[in-house]
């Protein structure tokens, strides 16, 4: 159960991270954001990133083996990176809608899945 909660919290954390890092590029035509300077965008992104950390820190604490969770450092980082790409891809498909998935993206994602398998395999 701790593993599932960890993954859910990390996925939600990545959602906030993706919006904080890339949302301002998508919503640049929004009237209040259209005329915002770089420092306003940075502060807005930091505000969103706060919620990323509110979710990510407990996820890592809960999921870490030394705290009774099922994951090692490498496994936690691998989960986070894989989820980051999944959330980012969903963001591009459902929100941005201007980017198209191509064969090389699928090959890259396949290699990332292979990396996850290699990291999680007990050798």
Protein backbone atom coordinates (compact mmCIF):
# COMPACT_ATOMS: atom_id res chain seq x y z
CA UNK A 1 0.00 0.00 0.00
CA UNK A 2 2.88 2.41 0.79
CA UNK A 3 4.26 1.80 -2.69
CA UNK A 4 0.95 2.68 -4.35
CA UNK A 5 0.51 5.82 -2.24
CA UNK A 6 4.08 6.81 -3.07
CA UNK A 7 3.44 6.43 -6.80
CA UNK A 8 0.17 8.40 -6.64
CA UNK A 9 1.81 11.24 -4.69
CA UNK A 10 4.74 11.31 -7.13
CA UNK A 11 2.35 11.41 -10.11
CA UNK A 12 0.46 14.35 -8.59
CA UNK A 13 3.76 16.03 -7.76
CA UNK A 14 4.81 15.69 -11.39
CA UNK A 15 1.56 17.25 -12.52
CA UNK A 16 2.35 20.40 -10.53
CA UNK A 17 5.96 20.31 -11.75
CA UNK A 18 4.89 20.09 -15.39
CA UNK A 19 2.44 22.97 -15.03
CA UNK A 20 5.03 25.07 -13.16
CA UNK A 21 7.75 24.44 -15.75
CA UNK A 22 5.74 24.42 -18.99
CA UNK A 23 2.29 25.84 -18.30
CA UNK A 24 3.34 29.45 -18.83
CA UNK A 25 4.47 28.54 -22.36
CA UNK A 26 1.01 27.21 -23.18
CA UNK A 27 -1.03 29.97 -21.57
CA UNK A 28 1.05 32.92 -22.75
CA UNK A 29 -1.98 34.39 -24.51
CA UNK A 30 -3.93 34.63 -21.25
CA UNK A 31 -4.54 38.31 -20.63
CA UNK A 32 -2.94 38.53 -17.17
CA UNK A 33 -0.04 36.31 -18.20
CA UNK A 34 0.50 37.91 -21.60
CA UNK A 35 2.14 41.01 -20.15
CA UNK A 36 3.87 39.32 -17.21
CA UNK A 37 7.62 39.72 -17.01
CA UNK A 38 10.05 36.92 -16.37
CA UNK A 39 10.11 37.55 -12.59
CA UNK A 40 6.32 37.27 -12.42
CA UNK A 41 6.49 33.99 -14.31
CA UNK A 42 9.25 32.73 -12.00
CA UNK A 43 7.22 33.61 -8.90
CA UNK A 44 4.11 31.97 -10.36
CA UNK A 45 6.14 28.86 -11.16
CA UNK A 46 7.64 28.80 -7.66
CA UNK A 47 4.14 29.03 -6.23
CA UNK A 48 3.09 26.00 -8.25
CA UNK A 49 6.32 24.18 -7.45
CA UNK A 50 5.52 24.57 -3.75
CA UNK A 51 2.70 22.05 -4.22
CA UNK A 52 5.07 19.78 -6.13
CA UNK A 53 7.30 19.64 -3.06
CA UNK A 54 4.36 19.28 -0.67
CA UNK A 55 3.57 16.04 -2.50
CA UNK A 56 7.03 14.84 -3.50
CA UNK A 57 8.76 15.05 -0.11
CA UNK A 58 6.14 12.93 1.72
CA UNK A 59 6.06 10.50 -1.23
CA UNK A 60 9.79 9.93 -1.01
CA UNK A 61 9.72 9.70 2.78
CA UNK A 62 6.83 7.22 2.71
CA UNK A 63 8.29 5.14 -0.11
CA UNK A 64 11.91 4.94 1.07
CA UNK A 65 13.07 1.56 2.41
CA UNK A 66 14.77 3.04 5.48
CA UNK A 67 11.40 4.50 6.49
CA UNK A 68 9.48 1.25 5.99
CA UNK A 69 8.67 1.78 2.33
CA UNK A 70 9.38 -0.59 -0.53
CA UNK A 71 11.79 1.52 -2.64
CA UNK A 72 15.51 2.29 -2.70
CA UNK A 73 16.96 5.68 -3.69
CA UNK A 74 17.51 4.48 -7.25
CA UNK A 75 14.01 3.05 -7.48
CA UNK A 76 12.38 6.24 -6.17
CA UNK A 77 14.30 8.35 -8.68
CA UNK A 78 13.48 5.96 -11.52
CA UNK A 79 9.77 6.07 -10.66
CA UNK A 80 9.90 9.87 -10.51
CA UNK A 81 11.60 10.18 -13.90
CA UNK A 82 9.27 7.70 -15.61
CA UNK A 83 6.22 9.43 -14.14
CA UNK A 84 7.62 12.80 -15.19
CA UNK A 85 7.70 11.71 -18.82
CA UNK A 86 4.25 10.11 -18.63
CA UNK A 87 2.69 13.23 -17.08
CA UNK A 88 4.55 15.50 -19.52
CA UNK A 89 3.36 13.44 -22.50
CA UNK A 90 -0.25 13.51 -21.27
CA UNK A 91 0.08 17.27 -20.75
CA UNK A 92 1.24 17.67 -24.36
CA UNK A 93 -1.55 15.46 -25.74
CA UNK A 94 -4.48 16.82 -23.72
CA UNK A 95 -3.49 20.41 -22.93
CA UNK A 96 -0.93 21.71 -25.41
CA UNK A 97 -2.27 19.73 -28.39
CA UNK A 98 0.28 21.25 -30.78
CA UNK A 99 2.89 18.52 -30.42
CA UNK A 100 2.49 15.17 -32.15
CA UNK A 101 3.90 11.90 -30.94
CA UNK A 102 6.27 10.33 -33.45
CA UNK A 103 7.94 6.94 -33.72
CA UNK A 104 11.15 8.19 -32.08
CA UNK A 105 9.19 9.22 -28.98
CA UNK A 106 7.82 5.69 -28.66
CA UNK A 107 11.30 4.20 -29.11
CA UNK A 108 12.63 6.57 -26.44
CA UNK A 109 9.79 5.67 -24.07
CA UNK A 110 10.49 2.00 -24.73
CA UNK A 111 14.11 2.55 -23.73
CA UNK A 112 12.97 4.30 -20.57
CA UNK A 113 10.72 1.33 -19.75
CA UNK A 114 13.74 -0.91 -20.33
CA UNK A 115 15.73 1.30 -17.93
CA UNK A 116 12.99 0.91 -15.30
CA UNK A 117 13.14 -2.88 -15.71
CA UNK A 118 16.94 -2.88 -15.39
CA UNK A 119 16.83 -0.66 -12.27
CA UNK A 120 14.14 -2.75 -10.55
CA UNK A 121 15.57 -6.17 -11.47
CA UNK A 122 17.33 -7.82 -8.55
CA UNK A 123 20.59 -8.98 -10.12
